[in-house]
Each structure stands twice: as C-alpha cells, then as structure tokens.
C-alpha cells in the first residue's frame, strides 16, 4: 500500500511512522520517503489498521 502522510517531514518522523506500522505487523516492510511525504508498506495488516495506528502516533495517513 502507498500512504500519504502530510506531517512526515524528516528522518525522525519516518522512524516514528515505521515504528507505529511495525507495532501492528512486526514483519512489515516500510519504505518512508519524507521528501515526498509518502510511505510504501508491504504488510499483512489492513489499511484501516495501519491508518489507525498512524493516527494514534500523530501521523494521520491517507491511502492513495
């Protein structure tokens, strides 16, 4: 899945986003791109589950 995260602007944000996603699926492959404010995720988790944990972490995401 590809997610747009408007307030992911730096490496620290990217690490927080990765940690949040991997809290739902520890085996998820997460490829953040802070410059584009997107993250590519390969996971067994559902989009709503990923969006929920990112919202809770302070990084609201929209699937694209």
N, C-alpha and C. Protein backbone atom coordinates (compact mmCIF):
# COMPACT_ATOMS: atom_id res chain seq x y z
N UNK A 1 0.84 -1.18 0.00
CA UNK A 1 0.00 0.00 0.00
C UNK A 1 0.88 1.24 0.00
N UNK A 2 0.34 2.32 -0.52
CA UNK A 2 1.04 3.61 -0.52
C UNK A 2 0.19 4.58 0.29
N UNK A 3 0.83 5.22 1.26
CA UNK A 3 0.13 6.15 2.14
C UNK A 3 0.74 7.53 2.02
N UNK A 4 -0.11 8.54 2.04
CA UNK A 4 0.33 9.94 2.05
C UNK A 4 0.24 10.42 3.49
N UNK A 5 1.35 10.95 4.02
CA UNK A 5 1.39 11.44 5.41
C UNK A 5 1.94 12.86 5.36
N UNK A 6 1.04 13.82 5.40
CA UNK A 6 1.43 15.23 5.22
C UNK A 6 2.43 15.73 6.24
N UNK A 7 2.36 15.26 7.51
CA UNK A 7 3.27 15.83 8.51
C UNK A 7 4.49 14.96 8.79
N UNK A 8 4.82 14.04 7.87
CA UNK A 8 6.08 13.30 7.96
C UNK A 8 7.10 14.08 7.13
N UNK A 9 7.93 14.85 7.82
CA UNK A 9 8.81 15.78 7.11
C UNK A 9 10.30 15.53 7.30
N UNK A 10 10.67 14.55 8.15
CA UNK A 10 12.09 14.34 8.43
C UNK A 10 12.36 12.87 8.76
N UNK A 11 13.62 12.56 8.97
CA UNK A 11 14.00 11.19 9.30
C UNK A 11 13.42 10.72 10.62
N UNK A 12 13.33 11.62 11.59
CA UNK A 12 12.75 11.27 12.88
C UNK A 12 11.28 10.89 12.73
N UNK A 13 10.58 11.65 11.90
CA UNK A 13 9.17 11.34 11.61
C UNK A 13 9.08 9.97 10.95
N UNK A 14 9.97 9.72 9.99
CA UNK A 14 9.96 8.45 9.26
C UNK A 14 10.18 7.28 10.22
N UNK A 15 11.07 7.45 11.20
CA UNK A 15 11.31 6.39 12.18
C UNK A 15 10.07 6.16 13.03
N UNK A 16 9.39 7.22 13.43
CA UNK A 16 8.17 7.09 14.23
C UNK A 16 7.08 6.39 13.43
N UNK A 17 6.95 6.73 12.16
CA UNK A 17 5.96 6.10 11.29
C UNK A 17 6.27 4.60 11.15
N UNK A 18 7.55 4.28 10.92
CA UNK A 18 7.96 2.88 10.79
C UNK A 18 7.65 2.11 12.06
N UNK A 19 7.98 2.68 13.20
CA UNK A 19 7.73 2.02 14.49
C UNK A 19 6.24 1.77 14.69
N UNK A 20 5.41 2.76 14.36
CA UNK A 20 3.96 2.61 14.53
C UNK A 20 3.43 1.49 13.64
N UNK A 21 3.86 1.45 12.39
CA UNK A 21 3.39 0.40 11.47
C UNK A 21 3.84 -0.97 11.95
N UNK A 22 5.09 -1.06 12.39
CA UNK A 22 5.61 -2.35 12.83
C UNK A 22 5.05 -2.78 14.18
N UNK A 23 4.35 -1.89 14.88
CA UNK A 23 3.67 -2.30 16.11
C UNK A 23 2.44 -3.15 15.79
N UNK A 24 1.89 -2.98 14.59
CA UNK A 24 0.76 -3.78 14.13
C UNK A 24 1.25 -5.05 13.44
N UNK A 25 2.29 -4.92 12.63
CA UNK A 25 2.86 -6.05 11.89
C UNK A 25 4.38 -5.95 11.96
N UNK A 26 5.00 -6.69 12.91
CA UNK A 26 6.46 -6.62 13.07
C UNK A 26 7.23 -7.02 11.81
N UNK A 27 6.60 -7.76 10.90
CA UNK A 27 7.27 -8.21 9.68
C UNK A 27 7.02 -7.29 8.49
N UNK A 28 6.35 -6.17 8.71
CA UNK A 28 6.04 -5.25 7.63
C UNK A 28 7.32 -4.65 7.05
N UNK A 29 7.33 -4.46 5.75
CA UNK A 29 8.41 -3.75 5.06
C UNK A 29 7.93 -2.31 4.88
N UNK A 30 8.67 -1.37 5.44
CA UNK A 30 8.26 0.04 5.43
C UNK A 30 9.33 0.86 4.73
N UNK A 31 8.92 1.62 3.69
CA UNK A 31 9.86 2.45 2.94
C UNK A 31 9.35 3.89 2.94
N UNK A 32 9.72 4.66 3.97
CA UNK A 32 9.27 6.06 4.04
C UNK A 32 10.06 6.96 3.09
N UNK A 33 9.40 7.98 2.59
CA UNK A 33 10.02 9.00 1.75
C UNK A 33 9.57 10.36 2.27
N UNK A 34 10.29 10.90 3.29
CA UNK A 34 9.87 12.17 3.88
C UNK A 34 9.77 13.32 2.88
N UNK A 35 10.64 13.33 1.88
CA UNK A 35 10.61 14.42 0.89
C UNK A 35 9.29 14.43 0.13
N UNK A 36 8.77 13.25 -0.20
CA UNK A 36 7.50 13.14 -0.92
C UNK A 36 6.31 13.02 0.03
N UNK A 37 6.64 12.86 1.34
CA UNK A 37 5.62 12.67 2.37
C UNK A 37 4.74 11.45 2.09
N UNK A 38 5.41 10.38 1.65
CA UNK A 38 4.71 9.12 1.40
C UNK A 38 5.46 7.98 2.08
N UNK A 39 4.76 6.88 2.25
CA UNK A 39 5.39 5.66 2.77
C UNK A 39 4.79 4.48 2.02
N UNK A 40 5.69 3.60 1.53
CA UNK A 40 5.25 2.35 0.89
C UNK A 40 5.34 1.26 1.95
N UNK A 41 4.28 0.49 2.06
CA UNK A 41 4.21 -0.54 3.09
C UNK A 41 3.79 -1.86 2.48
N UNK A 42 4.56 -2.90 2.78
CA UNK A 42 4.16 -4.27 2.44
C UNK A 42 3.85 -4.94 3.77
N UNK A 43 2.57 -5.29 3.97
CA UNK A 43 2.13 -5.80 5.26
C UNK A 43 0.93 -6.72 5.11
N UNK A 44 0.75 -7.56 6.10
CA UNK A 44 -0.44 -8.41 6.16
C UNK A 44 -1.58 -7.67 6.85
N UNK A 45 -1.28 -6.53 7.48
CA UNK A 45 -2.30 -5.73 8.17
C UNK A 45 -3.20 -5.03 7.16
N UNK A 46 -4.39 -4.65 7.61
CA UNK A 46 -5.33 -3.96 6.73
C UNK A 46 -5.03 -2.46 6.71
N UNK A 47 -5.49 -1.80 5.66
CA UNK A 47 -5.31 -0.34 5.56
C UNK A 47 -5.93 0.35 6.78
N UNK A 48 -7.16 0.01 7.20
CA UNK A 48 -7.71 0.69 8.38
C UNK A 48 -6.86 0.50 9.64
N UNK A 49 -6.26 -0.69 9.81
CA UNK A 49 -5.39 -0.91 10.98
C UNK A 49 -4.17 -0.01 10.93
N UNK A 50 -3.56 0.11 9.76
CA UNK A 50 -2.38 0.96 9.60
C UNK A 50 -2.75 2.43 9.81
N UNK A 51 -3.85 2.86 9.20
CA UNK A 51 -4.29 4.26 9.36
C UNK A 51 -4.58 4.57 10.83
N UNK A 52 -5.16 3.62 11.55
CA UNK A 52 -5.50 3.84 12.96
C UNK A 52 -4.23 4.06 13.80
N UNK A 53 -3.22 3.18 13.65
CA UNK A 53 -2.02 3.34 14.47
C UNK A 53 -1.25 4.59 14.10
N UNK A 54 -1.27 4.96 12.83
CA UNK A 54 -0.59 6.19 12.44
C UNK A 54 -1.31 7.41 13.01
N UNK A 55 -2.63 7.39 13.01
CA UNK A 55 -3.41 8.47 13.63
C UNK A 55 -3.05 8.59 15.11
N UNK A 56 -3.00 7.45 15.79
CA UNK A 56 -2.67 7.43 17.22
C UNK A 56 -1.26 7.95 17.48
N UNK A 57 -0.36 7.72 16.52
CA UNK A 57 1.03 8.18 16.67
C UNK A 57 1.21 9.65 16.29
N UNK A 58 0.14 10.27 15.79
CA UNK A 58 0.22 11.68 15.41
C UNK A 58 0.58 11.91 13.96
N UNK A 59 0.44 10.86 13.14
CA UNK A 59 0.76 10.96 11.71
C UNK A 59 -0.43 10.48 10.88
N UNK A 60 -1.50 11.28 10.83
CA UNK A 60 -2.66 10.84 10.04
C UNK A 60 -2.27 10.56 8.59
N UNK A 61 -2.74 9.43 8.09
CA UNK A 61 -2.36 8.97 6.75
C UNK A 61 -3.60 8.76 5.89
N UNK A 62 -3.40 8.90 4.58
CA UNK A 62 -4.46 8.64 3.62
C UNK A 62 -3.91 7.67 2.59
N UNK A 63 -4.59 6.55 2.39
CA UNK A 63 -4.17 5.59 1.37
C UNK A 63 -4.37 6.20 0.00
N UNK A 64 -3.39 5.99 -0.89
CA UNK A 64 -3.51 6.53 -2.25
C UNK A 64 -3.56 5.40 -3.26
